[in-house]
Protein backbone atom coordinates (compact mmCIF):
# COMPACT_ATOMS: atom_id res chain seq x y z
CA UNK A 1 33.99 11.82 -23.12
CA UNK A 2 31.74 9.64 -25.79
CA UNK A 3 33.17 8.39 -29.11
CA UNK A 4 31.42 9.79 -32.13
CA UNK A 5 30.56 6.86 -34.50
CA UNK A 6 32.55 7.64 -37.58
CA UNK A 7 33.43 5.89 -40.64
CA UNK A 8 37.31 4.59 -40.79
CA UNK A 9 39.94 6.46 -41.77
CA UNK A 10 40.21 5.34 -45.46
CA UNK A 11 36.50 5.50 -46.35
CA UNK A 12 36.57 8.98 -45.44
CA UNK A 13 39.73 9.74 -47.61
CA UNK A 14 37.85 7.67 -50.50
CA UNK A 15 34.57 9.43 -50.32
CA UNK A 16 36.19 12.72 -50.40
CA UNK A 17 39.01 11.83 -53.07
CA UNK A 18 36.22 10.56 -55.13
CA UNK A 19 34.16 13.62 -54.85
CA UNK A 20 36.81 15.84 -56.24
CA UNK A 21 37.16 13.13 -59.22
CA UNK A 22 33.41 13.33 -59.72
CA UNK A 23 33.29 17.06 -60.04
CA UNK A 24 36.22 17.25 -62.29
CA UNK A 25 34.74 14.57 -64.47
CA UNK A 26 31.29 16.25 -64.46
CA UNK A 27 32.93 19.75 -65.72
CA UNK A 28 34.69 17.92 -68.12
CA UNK A 29 31.88 16.07 -69.37
CA UNK A 30 29.74 19.65 -69.42
CA UNK A 31 32.55 21.10 -71.63
CA UNK A 32 32.42 18.06 -73.87
CA UNK A 33 29.01 18.33 -74.32
CA UNK A 34 28.08 22.14 -74.41
CA UNK A 35 31.35 22.58 -76.83
CA UNK A 36 32.30 19.19 -78.65
CA UNK A 37 35.46 18.41 -79.90
CA UNK A 38 35.49 20.74 -82.28
CA UNK A 39 34.66 23.58 -80.21
CA UNK A 40 37.31 22.44 -77.53
CA UNK A 41 39.92 22.54 -80.31
CA UNK A 42 39.17 25.79 -81.66
CA UNK A 43 38.87 26.91 -77.88
CA UNK A 44 42.12 25.35 -76.16
CA UNK A 45 43.95 23.56 -79.50
CA UNK A 46 44.49 19.95 -80.36
CA UNK A 47 47.02 19.21 -78.23
CA UNK A 48 45.16 20.22 -75.20
CA UNK A 49 41.59 18.48 -76.10
CA UNK A 50 43.07 15.67 -76.92
CA UNK A 51 44.81 16.05 -73.08
CA UNK A 52 41.52 16.61 -71.67
CA UNK A 53 40.11 13.56 -73.18
CA UNK A 54 42.78 11.35 -72.17
CA UNK A 55 42.68 12.67 -68.37
CA UNK A 56 38.82 12.47 -68.48
CA UNK A 57 38.98 8.90 -69.59
CA UNK A 58 42.13 8.20 -67.57
CA UNK A 59 40.10 9.90 -63.89
CA UNK A 60 36.86 7.64 -65.27
CA UNK A 61 38.52 4.71 -64.72
CA UNK A 62 40.55 5.61 -61.82
CA UNK A 63 36.44 6.50 -60.49
CA UNK A 64 35.47 2.95 -61.12
CA UNK A 65 38.56 1.13 -59.40
CA UNK A 66 37.93 3.67 -56.54
CA UNK A 67 34.11 3.13 -56.23
CA UNK A 68 34.34 -0.38 -56.01
CA UNK A 69 36.93 -0.45 -53.33
CA UNK A 70 34.72 1.58 -51.45
CA UNK A 71 32.10 -0.53 -51.79
CA UNK A 72 34.04 -3.60 -50.82
CA UNK A 73 35.21 -1.58 -47.86
CA UNK A 74 31.76 -0.47 -47.00
CA UNK A 75 30.73 -4.22 -47.22
CA UNK A 76 33.83 -5.45 -44.67
CA UNK A 77 33.07 -2.30 -42.37
CA UNK A 78 29.41 -1.35 -42.23
CA UNK A 79 28.63 2.12 -41.61
CA UNK A 80 28.61 3.58 -38.40
CA UNK A 81 25.13 3.97 -36.61
CA UNK A 82 23.30 7.16 -36.61
CA UNK A 83 23.11 9.09 -33.36
CA UNK A 84 20.78 10.30 -33.05
CA UNK A 85 18.75 7.73 -35.44
CA UNK A 86 17.32 8.98 -38.48
CA UNK A 87 13.74 8.38 -39.28
CA UNK A 88 12.64 6.20 -41.77
CA UNK A 89 11.74 8.21 -44.41
CA UNK A 90 15.21 9.63 -44.36
CA UNK A 91 17.03 6.44 -44.11
CA UNK A 92 14.86 5.29 -47.32
CA UNK A 93 15.72 8.30 -49.24
CA UNK A 94 19.60 8.56 -48.11
CA UNK A 95 20.14 4.88 -48.81
CA UNK A 96 18.42 5.33 -52.23
CA UNK A 97 20.64 8.42 -53.09
CA UNK A 98 23.56 6.39 -51.82
CA UNK A 99 23.08 3.30 -53.96
CA UNK A 100 22.09 5.44 -57.26
CA UNK A 101 25.50 7.17 -56.76
CA UNK A 102 27.23 3.53 -56.08
CA UNK A 103 25.09 2.30 -59.69
CA UNK A 104 26.08 5.05 -61.75
CA UNK A 105 29.80 5.82 -60.33
CA UNK A 106 30.40 2.06 -61.57
CA UNK A 107 27.95 2.13 -64.47
CA UNK A 108 29.29 5.58 -66.04
CA UNK A 109 33.04 4.56 -66.68
CA UNK A 110 32.22 1.07 -67.68
CA UNK A 111 29.46 2.77 -70.58
CA UNK A 112 31.90 5.49 -71.46
CA UNK A 113 34.82 2.58 -72.00
CA UNK A 114 32.11 0.66 -74.23
CA UNK A 115 31.29 4.04 -76.00
CA UNK A 116 34.79 4.99 -76.72
CA UNK A 117 35.99 1.72 -77.77
CA UNK A 118 32.75 1.54 -80.02
CA UNK A 119 33.66 4.61 -81.66
CA UNK A 120 37.09 3.48 -82.46
CA UNK A 121 38.82 5.75 -79.66
CA UNK A 122 42.09 4.47 -78.11
CA UNK A 123 41.29 3.61 -73.95
CA UNK A 124 43.43 5.50 -72.08
CA UNK A 125 44.60 5.47 -68.81
CA UNK A 126 47.42 7.98 -67.84
CA UNK A 127 49.31 7.39 -70.67
CA UNK A 128 48.73 3.79 -71.02
CA UNK A 129 46.51 2.09 -73.88
CA UNK A 130 44.06 -0.41 -72.47
CA UNK A 131 41.74 -3.04 -74.21
CA UNK A 132 38.56 -1.86 -75.71
CA UNK A 133 35.65 -4.26 -73.87
CA UNK A 134 33.97 -4.59 -77.57
CA UNK A 135 35.10 -4.00 -81.26
CA UNK A 136 34.26 -0.73 -83.61
CA UNK A 137 31.05 -0.01 -84.23
CA UNK A 138 29.87 3.77 -84.85
CA UNK A 139 26.38 3.68 -84.15
CA UNK A 140 26.59 1.84 -81.15
CA UNK A 141 29.44 4.22 -79.81
CA UNK A 142 27.38 7.38 -80.60
CA UNK A 143 24.10 6.01 -78.77
CA UNK A 144 26.54 5.08 -75.47
CA UNK A 145 28.00 8.44 -75.37
CA UNK A 146 24.67 10.13 -75.76
CA UNK A 147 23.51 7.96 -72.88
CA UNK A 148 26.68 8.75 -70.85
CA UNK A 149 25.75 12.23 -70.88
CA UNK A 150 22.76 11.41 -69.59
CA UNK A 151 24.00 9.50 -66.71
CA UNK A 152 26.24 12.50 -66.29
CA UNK A 153 23.58 14.82 -65.75
CA UNK A 154 21.57 12.10 -63.13
CA UNK A 155 24.90 12.14 -61.28
CA UNK A 156 24.87 15.53 -61.34
CA UNK A 157 21.62 15.56 -59.81
CA UNK A 158 21.96 13.13 -57.43
CA UNK A 159 25.31 14.90 -56.15
CA UNK A 160 23.67 18.16 -55.77
CA UNK A 161 21.15 16.20 -53.52
CA UNK A 162 23.58 14.70 -51.89
CA UNK A 163 25.39 18.07 -51.17
CA UNK A 164 21.93 19.84 -49.90
CA UNK A 165 21.39 16.75 -46.98
CA UNK A 166 25.08 17.20 -46.40
CA UNK A 167 24.40 20.91 -45.44
CA UNK A 168 21.41 20.44 -44.22
CA UNK A 169 22.61 17.97 -41.53
CA UNK A 170 25.77 20.01 -41.02
CA UNK A 171 23.77 23.37 -40.03
CA UNK A 172 21.59 20.87 -37.68
CA UNK A 173 25.10 19.88 -36.05
CA UNK A 174 23.47 16.46 -35.66
CA UNK A 175 26.63 14.60 -35.78
CA UNK A 176 25.94 13.14 -39.43
CA UNK A 177 28.60 15.26 -41.11
CA UNK A 178 30.70 14.28 -38.26
CA UNK A 179 30.68 10.47 -39.22
CA UNK A 180 32.29 11.31 -43.11
CA UNK A 181 34.24 14.21 -42.54
CA UNK A 182 38.03 14.40 -42.54
CA UNK A 183 39.21 16.00 -39.35
């Protein structure tokens, strides 16, 4: 019986854990963008709104750490080969999407950390307060939050493309989804 080329179990678990965290962060980020702090406070109350922001920051930092771990594992254990091999264009597009996802999943949490610190808000990680990367600068904070939101929208688009490709390969039953699936 032939062995199906797969990522390690740890890599597969990280992939799906990161995916869940990204979905949650994108959902919260969209709520922040659509309603703002005031709108969320009116809808959910001040305590719940503050908790939502703390949870968003905490999972953003966790996302940064898990993404770095995923990259380290990927460098130490190369991806399994495609069987059958992908065409050059599909490899180029898929590799580009993965690279952009890694760049944004590292850059967005760092940008959010900078935006939060520059805006004078605490950097919260599951109840602990971490140091700000920079000092308070309200104008910079506002600009960084704007770009943080744009980056979130870009990640949303990249994730949709990634999901569409996954669905395509799942429907083709070409073994690509088996490389990253959990069971």
